[in-house]
Amino acid sequence: MSFLHPFLTDGSQSPQSVVQVSESGTGVVAGGAHRVGTRGALPDGRVFYYARSSGAAIVAGKMNQMPDVPTTFTDLAVGTELAGQSTLAVTPGAVTALEDAFAGGYCIIQDDTGEGQIFTVKSHLAVASATEFTVNIEGTIPIALGAGATVSMIKSPWADVIISGAAQDHMCVGVSNVAVPAGTTNPQHFWCQTWGVAPVWQDEASANGSALSSGTTAGQVELADATSDQIVGQLVVVAVDTEYTPTFLTIAP
């Protein structure tokens, strides 16, 4: 395979290069070459995470973010699961989800006995509105859950990514090196760059070496100007407003 096929943590090389897009069938099951959130790296030090887009098209070099986490999947009732189990019975709010939409994401116990535990989602069937469903997790539950325990279901940060918004109120997750078609009918899978040199769309002129955060224009980055800003990288050269300027990304190593 070519230089552009990332190496995975097990030492193997991905069949999908960083300039290729993989389209799944309708839904999210069995889509793409890897599970969403899989890490890959190139020999020059650039790092990528395998991402899924199920909405509008993604533009190469524009900053992406994770989508809203709906309240219908936070602070939910969960069964009084026993230590040693590999499943959780979760009751969502008035919302539906496709089979394995949360695969590669997380279940976090928020309250009561067992709080503070985090589990990686392995799989689940389609979710019906306000109806209990079974979440299969990686590994087993180490501490039994209490009768009042609650759980939040969080997708992988690289699941259903969208172009970053102007409100600067969500976590940025990186940029694509290739144009990604709209995934509204068939989800698209691609490598999202999180670390190393990349062309990134700029919101303002900034000096070489400046720390950057998401911009006030959708998809752009700008000079970080508040202590609460998420730093997404540093400029490698002087930035020119609206140009795709060489940037060293520092989102996820």
C-alpha atoms as a PDB file:
ATOM      1  CA  MET A   1       0.000   0.000   0.000  1.00  0.00           C
ATOM      2  CA  SER A   2       1.020   3.595  -0.474  1.00  0.00           C
ATOM      3  CA  PHE A   3       2.432   6.096   1.991  1.00  0.00           C
ATOM      4  CA  LEU A   4      -1.076   7.567   2.378  1.00  0.00           C
ATOM      5  CA  HIS A   5      -2.557   4.444   4.015  1.00  0.00           C
ATOM      6  CA  PRO A   6      -2.359   4.975   7.813  1.00  0.00           C
ATOM      7  CA  PHE A   7      -0.825   2.413  10.131  1.00  0.00           C
ATOM      8  CA  LEU A   8      -3.148   1.194  12.885  1.00  0.00           C
ATOM      9  CA  THR A   9      -2.234   0.576  16.518  1.00  0.00           C
ATOM     10  CA  ASP A  10      -1.773  -3.154  15.811  1.00  0.00           C
ATOM     11  CA  GLY A  11       0.878  -2.374  13.190  1.00  0.00           C
ATOM     12  CA  SER A  12      -1.275  -3.212  10.184  1.00  0.00           C
ATOM     13  CA  GLN A  13      -1.943  -0.734   7.395  1.00  0.00           C
ATOM     14  CA  SER A  14      -5.432   0.498   6.544  1.00  0.00           C
ATOM     15  CA  PRO A  15      -6.872  -0.482   3.151  1.00  0.00           C
ATOM     16  CA  GLN A  16      -8.323   3.039   2.925  1.00  0.00           C
ATOM     17  CA  SER A  17      -5.998   5.983   2.287  1.00  0.00           C
ATOM     18  CA  VAL A  18      -6.427   9.440   3.795  1.00  0.00           C
ATOM     19  CA  VAL A  19      -7.632  10.747   0.418  1.00  0.00           C
ATOM     20  CA  GLN A  20     -10.323   8.101  -0.057  1.00  0.00           C
ATOM     21  CA  VAL A  21     -13.942   8.028   1.114  1.00  0.00           C
ATOM     22  CA  SER A  22     -15.873   4.829   1.848  1.00  0.00           C
ATOM     23  CA  GLU A  23     -19.657   4.812   1.480  1.00  0.00           C
ATOM     24  CA  SER A  24     -21.801   2.415   3.486  1.00  0.00           C
ATOM     25  CA  GLY A  25     -25.274   1.219   2.663  1.00  0.00           C
ATOM     26  CA  THR A  26     -28.334   2.850   4.152  1.00  0.00           C
ATOM     27  CA  GLY A  27     -27.875   3.222   7.925  1.00  0.00           C
ATOM     28  CA  VAL A  28     -24.614   2.846   9.797  1.00  0.00           C
ATOM     29  CA  VAL A  29     -24.180  -0.927  10.056  1.00  0.00           C
ATOM     30  CA  ALA A  30     -21.086  -2.486   8.463  1.00  0.00           C
ATOM     31  CA  GLY A  31     -20.026   0.812   6.949  1.00  0.00           C
ATOM     32  CA  GLY A  32     -16.440   1.754   6.258  1.00  0.00           C
ATOM     33  CA  ALA A  33     -13.156  -0.076   6.629  1.00  0.00           C
ATOM     34  CA  HIS A  34     -12.885   0.347  10.437  1.00  0.00           C
ATOM     35  CA  ARG A  35     -14.924   1.111  13.515  1.00  0.00           C
ATOM     36  CA  VAL A  36     -15.464   4.830  13.963  1.00  0.00           C
ATOM     37  CA  GLY A  37     -12.789   6.307  16.243  1.00  0.00           C
ATOM     38  CA  THR A  38     -10.016   3.952  15.064  1.00  0.00           C
ATOM     39  CA  ARG A  39      -6.629   5.670  15.197  1.00  0.00           C
ATOM     40  CA  GLY A  40      -4.201   5.681  12.284  1.00  0.00           C
ATOM     41  CA  ALA A  41      -0.847   7.378  11.704  1.00  0.00           C
ATOM     42  CA  LEU A  42       1.415   8.065   8.745  1.00  0.00           C
ATOM     43  CA  PRO A  43       5.212   7.631   8.874  1.00  0.00           C
ATOM     44  CA  ASP A  44       5.690  11.425   8.887  1.00  0.00           C
ATOM     45  CA  GLY A  45       3.851  11.759  12.215  1.00  0.00           C
ATOM     46  CA  ARG A  46       0.444  12.913  10.990  1.00  0.00           C
ATOM     47  CA  VAL A  47      -2.388  11.306  12.994  1.00  0.00           C
ATOM     48  CA  PHE A  48      -5.935  10.529  11.844  1.00  0.00           C
ATOM     49  CA  TYR A  49      -9.089   9.090  13.389  1.00  0.00           C
ATOM     50  CA  TYR A  50     -11.638   7.174  11.354  1.00  0.00           C
ATOM     51  CA  ALA A  51     -14.758   9.323  11.036  1.00  0.00           C
ATOM     52  CA  ARG A  52     -18.335   9.022   9.825  1.00  0.00           C
ATOM     53  CA  SER A  53     -20.429  11.741   8.214  1.00  0.00           C
ATOM     54  CA  SER A  54     -24.188  11.292   7.934  1.00  0.00           C
ATOM     55  CA  GLY A  55     -25.176  14.859   7.082  1.00  0.00           C
ATOM     56  CA  ALA A  56     -24.043  17.645   4.764  1.00  0.00           C
ATOM     57  CA  ALA A  57     -20.912  17.315   2.642  1.00  0.00           C
ATOM     58  CA  ILE A  58     -17.540  17.831   4.348  1.00  0.00           C
ATOM     59  CA  VAL A  59     -15.068  20.193   2.654  1.00  0.00           C
ATOM     60  CA  ALA A  60     -11.357  19.343   2.716  1.00  0.00           C
ATOM     61  CA  GLY A  61      -9.452  21.649   5.071  1.00  0.00           C
ATOM     62  CA  LYS A  62     -12.518  22.967   6.910  1.00  0.00           C
ATOM     63  CA  MET A  63     -12.614  22.297  10.648  1.00  0.00           C
ATOM     64  CA  ASN A  64     -15.054  19.611  11.798  1.00  0.00           C
ATOM     65  CA  GLN A  65     -16.773  19.188  15.149  1.00  0.00           C
ATOM     66  CA  MET A  66     -18.758  16.554  16.975  1.00  0.00           C
ATOM     67  CA  PRO A  67     -22.544  17.118  16.757  1.00  0.00           C
ATOM     68  CA  ASP A  68     -24.902  18.034  19.572  1.00  0.00           C
ATOM     69  CA  VAL A  69     -25.393  15.395  22.270  1.00  0.00           C
ATOM     70  CA  PRO A  70     -29.202  15.205  22.586  1.00  0.00           C
ATOM     71  CA  THR A  71     -30.640  15.318  26.106  1.00  0.00           C
ATOM     72  CA  THR A  72     -32.734  12.307  25.108  1.00  0.00           C
ATOM     73  CA  PHE A  73     -29.535  10.244  25.466  1.00  0.00           C
ATOM     74  CA  THR A  74     -28.216  11.777  28.701  1.00  0.00           C
ATOM     75  CA  ASP A  75     -28.962  10.984  32.361  1.00  0.00           C
ATOM     76  CA  LEU A  76     -31.087   7.960  31.434  1.00  0.00           C
ATOM     77  CA  ALA A  77     -32.492   5.119  33.489  1.00  0.00           C
ATOM     78  CA  VAL A  78     -30.352   1.977  33.381  1.00  0.00           C
ATOM     79  CA  GLY A  79     -30.983  -1.498  34.718  1.00  0.00           C
ATOM     80  CA  THR A  80     -29.510  -2.678  38.023  1.00  0.00           C
ATOM     81  CA  GLU A  81     -26.792  -4.563  36.189  1.00  0.00           C
ATOM     82  CA  LEU A  82     -24.567  -6.976  38.088  1.00  0.00           C
ATOM     83  CA  ALA A  83     -20.795  -7.082  38.169  1.00  0.00           C
ATOM     84  CA  GLY A  84     -19.507  -9.360  35.430  1.00  0.00           C
ATOM     85  CA  GLN A  85     -22.260  -8.553  32.932  1.00  0.00           C
ATOM     86  CA  SER A  86     -21.386  -7.391  29.410  1.00  0.00           C
ATOM     87  CA  THR A  87     -24.701  -5.668  28.684  1.00  0.00           C
ATOM     88  CA  LEU A  88     -26.612  -2.609  29.887  1.00  0.00           C
ATOM     89  CA  ALA A  89     -30.383  -2.094  29.642  1.00  0.00           C
ATOM     90  CA  VAL A  90     -30.888   1.581  28.800  1.00  0.00           C
ATOM     91  CA  THR A  91     -34.149   3.522  28.360  1.00  0.00           C
ATOM     92  CA  PRO A  92     -33.774   6.586  26.063  1.00  0.00           C
ATOM     93  CA  GLY A  93     -36.009   9.603  25.773  1.00  0.00           C
ATOM     94  CA  ALA A  94     -38.347  10.277  22.869  1.00  0.00           C
ATOM     95  CA  VAL A  95     -35.789   9.630  20.151  1.00  0.00           C
ATOM     96  CA  THR A  96     -34.764   6.860  17.770  1.00  0.00           C
ATOM     97  CA  ALA A  97     -31.343   5.680  16.606  1.00  0.00           C
ATOM     98  CA  LEU A  98     -30.088   3.323  13.942  1.00  0.00           C
ATOM     99  CA  GLU A  99     -28.500   0.002  14.772  1.00  0.00           C
ATOM    100  CA  ASP A 100     -24.908   0.474  16.030  1.00  0.00           C
ATOM    101  CA  ALA A 101     -25.152   4.281  15.852  1.00  0.00           C
ATOM    102  CA  PHE A 102     -23.243   4.388  19.176  1.00  0.00           C
ATOM    103  CA  ALA A 103     -20.740   1.619  18.336  1.00  0.00           C
ATOM    104  CA  GLY A 104     -17.283   2.865  19.277  1.00  0.00           C
ATOM    105  CA  GLY A 105     -18.855   5.393  21.623  1.00  0.00           C
ATOM    106  CA  TYR A 106     -19.398   5.274  25.370  1.00  0.00           C
ATOM    107  CA  CYS A 107     -21.813   4.619  28.224  1.00  0.00           C
ATOM    108  CA  ILE A 108     -20.972   6.722  31.278  1.00  0.00           C
ATOM    109  CA  ILE A 109     -22.601   6.007  34.646  1.00  0.00           C
ATOM    110  CA  GLN A 110     -23.477   9.435  36.059  1.00  0.00           C
ATOM    111  CA  ASP A 111     -25.133   8.817  39.391  1.00  0.00           C
ATOM    112  CA  ASP A 112     -25.780   6.339  42.235  1.00  0.00           C
ATOM    113  CA  THR A 113     -23.881   3.103  42.914  1.00  0.00           C
ATOM    114  CA  GLY A 114     -21.432   2.473  40.092  1.00  0.00           C
ATOM    115  CA  GLU A 115     -21.112   6.147  39.152  1.00  0.00           C
ATOM    116  CA  GLY A 116     -17.910   7.175  37.436  1.00  0.00           C
ATOM    117  CA  GLN A 117     -17.632   4.025  35.331  1.00  0.00           C
ATOM    118  CA  ILE A 118     -17.208   4.259  31.557  1.00  0.00           C
ATOM    119  CA  PHE A 119     -17.895   1.485  29.053  1.00  0.00           C
ATOM    120  CA  THR A 120     -17.109   1.301  25.344  1.00  0.00           C
ATOM    121  CA  VAL A 121     -20.139   0.422  23.223  1.00  0.00           C
ATOM    122  CA  LYS A 122     -19.594  -2.714  21.153  1.00  0.00           C
ATOM    123  CA  SER A 123     -22.994  -2.940  19.459  1.00  0.00           C
ATOM    124  CA  HIS A 124     -26.741  -2.487  19.836  1.00  0.00           C
ATOM    125  CA  LEU A 125     -29.909  -2.976  17.805  1.00  0.00           C
ATOM    126  CA  ALA A 126     -32.017  -0.123  16.426  1.00  0.00           C
ATOM    127  CA  VAL A 127     -33.393   2.132  19.167  1.00  0.00           C
ATOM    128  CA  ALA A 128     -37.142   2.792  19.407  1.00  0.00           C
ATOM    129  CA  SER A 129     -38.449   5.969  21.037  1.00  0.00           C
ATOM    130  CA  ALA A 130     -38.634   5.792  24.848  1.00  0.00           C
ATOM    131  CA  THR A 131     -38.134   2.016  24.697  1.00  0.00           C
ATOM    132  CA  GLU A 132     -35.499   0.104  26.672  1.00  0.00           C
ATOM    133  CA  PHE A 133     -32.743  -1.370  24.524  1.00  0.00           C
ATOM    134  CA  THR A 134     -29.712  -3.552  25.197  1.00  0.00           C
ATOM    135  CA  VAL A 135     -26.216  -2.118  24.851  1.00  0.00           C
ATOM    136  CA  ASN A 136     -23.415  -4.643  24.384  1.00  0.00           C
ATOM    137  CA  ILE A 137     -20.172  -3.329  25.882  1.00  0.00           C
ATOM    138  CA  GLU A 138     -16.511  -4.199  25.521  1.00  0.00           C
ATOM    139  CA  GLY A 139     -15.437  -6.165  28.592  1.00  0.00           C
ATOM    140  CA  THR A 140     -17.634  -6.524  31.674  1.00  0.00           C
ATOM    141  CA  ILE A 141     -19.073  -4.336  34.440  1.00  0.00           C
ATOM    142  CA  PRO A 142     -16.644  -4.260  37.422  1.00  0.00           C
ATOM    143  CA  ILE A 143     -19.045  -2.703  39.948  1.00  0.00           C
ATOM    144  CA  ALA A 144     -22.767  -3.512  40.139  1.00  0.00           C
ATOM    145  CA  LEU A 145     -25.138  -0.607  39.454  1.00  0.00           C
ATOM    146  CA  GLY A 146     -27.616   0.717  41.997  1.00  0.00           C
ATOM    147  CA  ALA A 147     -31.367   0.972  41.490  1.00  0.00           C
ATOM    148  CA  GLY A 148     -31.083   4.749  40.984  1.00  0.00           C
ATOM    149  CA  ALA A 149     -28.132   4.676  38.588  1.00  0.00           C
ATOM    150  CA  THR A 150     -28.297   6.812  35.462  1.00  0.00           C
ATOM    151  CA  VAL A 151     -26.286   6.656  32.259  1.00  0.00           C
ATOM    152  CA  SER A 152     -25.388   8.914  29.335  1.00  0.00           C
ATOM    153  CA  MET A 153     -24.857   7.516  25.843  1.00  0.00           C
ATOM    154  CA  ILE A 154     -22.134   9.375  23.962  1.00  0.00           C
ATOM    155  CA  LYS A 155     -21.131   8.658  20.368  1.00  0.00           C
ATOM    156  CA  SER A 156     -17.489   8.586  19.385  1.00  0.00           C
ATOM    157  CA  PRO A 157     -16.280  12.176  18.813  1.00  0.00           C
ATOM    158  CA  TRP A 158     -15.712  11.107  15.191  1.00  0.00           C
ATOM    159  CA  ALA A 159     -19.231   9.728  14.640  1.00  0.00           C
ATOM    160  CA  ASP A 160     -21.554  11.864  12.502  1.00  0.00           C
ATOM    161  CA  VAL A 161     -19.163  14.804  12.390  1.00  0.00           C
ATOM    162  CA  ILE A 162     -20.219  18.114  10.893  1.00  0.00           C
ATOM    163  CA  ILE A 163     -18.419  21.272   9.799  1.00  0.00           C
ATOM    164  CA  SER A 164     -17.722  23.395  12.878  1.00  0.00           C
ATOM    165  CA  GLY A 165     -20.285  26.091  13.559  1.00  0.00           C
ATOM    166  CA  ALA A 166     -19.869  29.817  14.158  1.00  0.00           C
ATOM    167  CA  ALA A 167     -21.043  29.555  17.782  1.00  0.00           C
ATOM    168  CA  GLN A 168     -17.775  27.853  18.862  1.00  0.00           C
ATOM    169  CA  ASP A 169     -19.715  25.720  21.353  1.00  0.00           C
ATOM    170  CA  HIS A 170     -18.731  22.166  20.417  1.00  0.00           C
ATOM    171  CA  MET A 171     -15.521  20.152  20.453  1.00  0.00           C
ATOM    172  CA  CYS A 172     -13.481  20.333  17.261  1.00  0.00           C
ATOM    173  CA  VAL A 173     -12.303  16.934  15.973  1.00  0.00           C
ATOM    174  CA  GLY A 174     -10.045  17.666  12.992  1.00  0.00           C
ATOM    175  CA  VAL A 175     -10.044  18.170   9.227  1.00  0.00           C
ATOM    176  CA  SER A 176     -10.463  15.929   6.217  1.00  0.00           C
ATOM    177  CA  ASN A 177      -7.794  15.739   3.518  1.00  0.00           C
ATOM    178  CA  VAL A 178     -10.446  14.964   0.905  1.00  0.00           C
ATOM    179  CA  ALA A 179     -13.896  16.248  -0.066  1.00  0.00           C
ATOM    180  CA  VAL A 180     -16.547  14.006   1.530  1.00  0.00           C
ATOM    181  CA  PRO A 181     -19.939  13.753  -0.213  1.00  0.00           C
ATOM    182  CA  ALA A 182     -23.160  14.277   1.723  1.00  0.00           C
ATOM    183  CA  GLY A 183     -23.998  11.294   3.923  1.00  0.00           C
ATOM    184  CA  THR A 184     -27.701  11.939   4.423  1.00  0.00           C
ATOM    185  CA  THR A 185     -28.683   8.835   2.430  1.00  0.00           C
ATOM    186  CA  ASN A 186     -25.569   6.674   2.733  1.00  0.00           C
ATOM    187  CA  PRO A 187     -23.121   7.553   5.557  1.00  0.00           C
ATOM    188  CA  GLN A 188     -19.599   8.389   4.409  1.00  0.00           C
ATOM    189  CA  HIS A 189     -16.420   7.204   6.148  1.00  0.00           C
ATOM    190  CA  PHE A 190     -13.071   8.989   5.951  1.00  0.00           C
ATOM    191  CA  TRP A 191      -9.852   9.652   7.858  1.00  0.00           C
ATOM    192  CA  CYS A 192     -10.097  12.872   9.902  1.00  0.00           C
ATOM    193  CA  GLN A 193      -6.694  14.445  10.633  1.00  0.00           C
ATOM    194  CA  THR A 194      -6.124  15.499  14.242  1.00  0.00           C
ATOM    195  CA  TRP A 195      -2.344  15.954  14.530  1.00  0.00           C
ATOM    196  CA  GLY A 196       0.471  17.288  12.362  1.00  0.00           C
ATOM    197  CA  VAL A 197       0.730  19.622   9.381  1.00  0.00           C
ATOM    198  CA  ALA A 198      -2.508  20.198   7.466  1.00  0.00           C
ATOM    199  CA  PRO A 199      -4.099  22.929   5.328  1.00  0.00           C
ATOM    200  CA  VAL A 200      -6.804  24.593   7.449  1.00  0.00           C
ATOM    201  CA  TRP A 201      -9.257  27.327   6.463  1.00  0.00           C
ATOM    202  CA  GLN A 202      -8.488  30.615   8.247  1.00  0.00           C
ATOM    203  CA  ASP A 203     -10.884  33.222   9.640  1.00  0.00           C
ATOM    204  CA  GLU A 204      -8.348  36.032   9.999  1.00  0.00           C
ATOM    205  CA  ALA A 205      -4.764  37.077   9.375  1.00  0.00           C
ATOM    206  CA  SER A 206      -2.552  35.723  12.175  1.00  0.00           C
ATOM    207  CA  ALA A 207       1.171  35.534  12.878  1.00  0.00           C
ATOM    208  CA  ASN A 208       3.342  32.463  12.436  1.00  0.00           C
ATOM    209  CA  GLY A 209       3.240  30.321  15.594  1.00  0.00           C
ATOM    210  CA  SER A 210      -0.117  31.674  16.802  1.00  0.00           C
ATOM    211  CA  ALA A 211      -2.388  29.326  18.740  1.00  0.00           C
ATOM    212  CA  LEU A 212      -5.697  28.701  16.961  1.00  0.00           C
ATOM    213  CA  SER A 213      -9.256  27.870  17.997  1.00  0.00           C
ATOM    214  CA  SER A 214     -12.462  27.421  16.016  1.00  0.00           C
ATOM    215  CA  GLY A 215     -13.518  30.573  14.186  1.00  0.00           C
ATOM    216  CA  THR A 216     -16.634  32.711  14.208  1.00  0.00           C
ATOM    217  CA  THR A 217     -17.255  31.626  10.613  1.00  0.00           C
ATOM    218  CA  ALA A 218     -18.376  28.030  10.126  1.00  0.00           C
ATOM    219  CA  GLY A 219     -15.476  25.738   9.198  1.00  0.00           C
ATOM    220  CA  GLN A 220     -12.749  28.296   9.885  1.00  0.00           C
ATOM    221  CA  VAL A 221     -10.162  28.704  12.636  1.00  0.00           C
ATOM    222  CA  GLU A 222      -8.880  31.921  14.162  1.00  0.00           C
ATOM    223  CA  LEU A 223      -6.460  33.315  16.725  1.00  0.00           C
ATOM    224  CA  ALA A 224      -7.338  31.886  20.135  1.00  0.00           C
ATOM    225  CA  ASP A 225      -8.477  34.852  22.210  1.00  0.00           C
ATOM    226  CA  ALA A 226      -9.968  33.394  25.394  1.00  0.00           C
ATOM    227  CA  THR A 227      -8.712  31.016  28.054  1.00  0.00           C
ATOM    228  CA  SER A 228     -11.782  28.834  27.470  1.00  0.00           C
ATOM    229  CA  ASP A 229     -11.042  28.365  23.758  1.00  0.00           C
ATOM    230  CA  GLN A 230     -10.220  24.857  22.571  1.00  0.00           C
ATOM    231  CA  ILE A 231      -6.728  25.050  21.061  1.00  0.00           C
ATOM    232  CA  VAL A 232      -6.762  23.117  17.784  1.00  0.00           C
ATOM    233  CA  GLY A 233      -3.232  23.889  16.585  1.00  0.00           C
ATOM    234  CA  GLN A 234      -0.548  26.441  15.751  1.00  0.00           C
ATOM    235  CA  LEU A 235       0.179  28.258  12.530  1.00  0.00           C
ATOM    236  CA  VAL A 236       3.231  27.104  10.584  1.00  0.00           C
ATOM    237  CA  VAL A 237       3.294  30.220   8.385  1.00  0.00           C
ATOM    238  CA  VAL A 238       1.574  33.614   8.491  1.00  0.00           C
ATOM    239  CA  ALA A 239      -2.152  33.117   7.956  1.00  0.00           C
ATOM    240  CA  VAL A 240      -4.108  34.944   5.302  1.00  0.00           C
ATOM    241  CA  ASP A 241      -7.839  35.447   5.890  1.00  0.00           C
ATOM    242  CA  THR A 242     -10.022  32.902   3.981  1.00  0.00           C
ATOM    243  CA  GLU A 243      -6.993  30.917   2.751  1.00  0.00           C
ATOM    244  CA  TYR A 244      -6.121  27.307   3.580  1.00  0.00           C
ATOM    245  CA  THR A 245      -2.936  27.898   5.536  1.00  0.00           C
ATOM    246  CA  PRO A 246      -0.376  25.303   6.731  1.00  0.00           C
ATOM    247  CA  THR A 247      -1.258  24.556  10.350  1.00  0.00           C
ATOM    248  CA  PHE A 248       0.128  22.091  12.887  1.00  0.00           C
ATOM    249  CA  LEU A 249      -2.959  20.424  14.361  1.00  0.00           C
ATOM    250  CA  THR A 250      -2.831  19.461  18.067  1.00  0.00           C
ATOM    251  CA  ILE A 251      -6.293  17.989  18.693  1.00  0.00           C
ATOM    252  CA  ALA A 252      -5.645  14.287  19.359  1.00  0.00           C
ATOM    253  CA  PRO A 253      -2.139  12.718  19.157  1.00  0.00           C
END
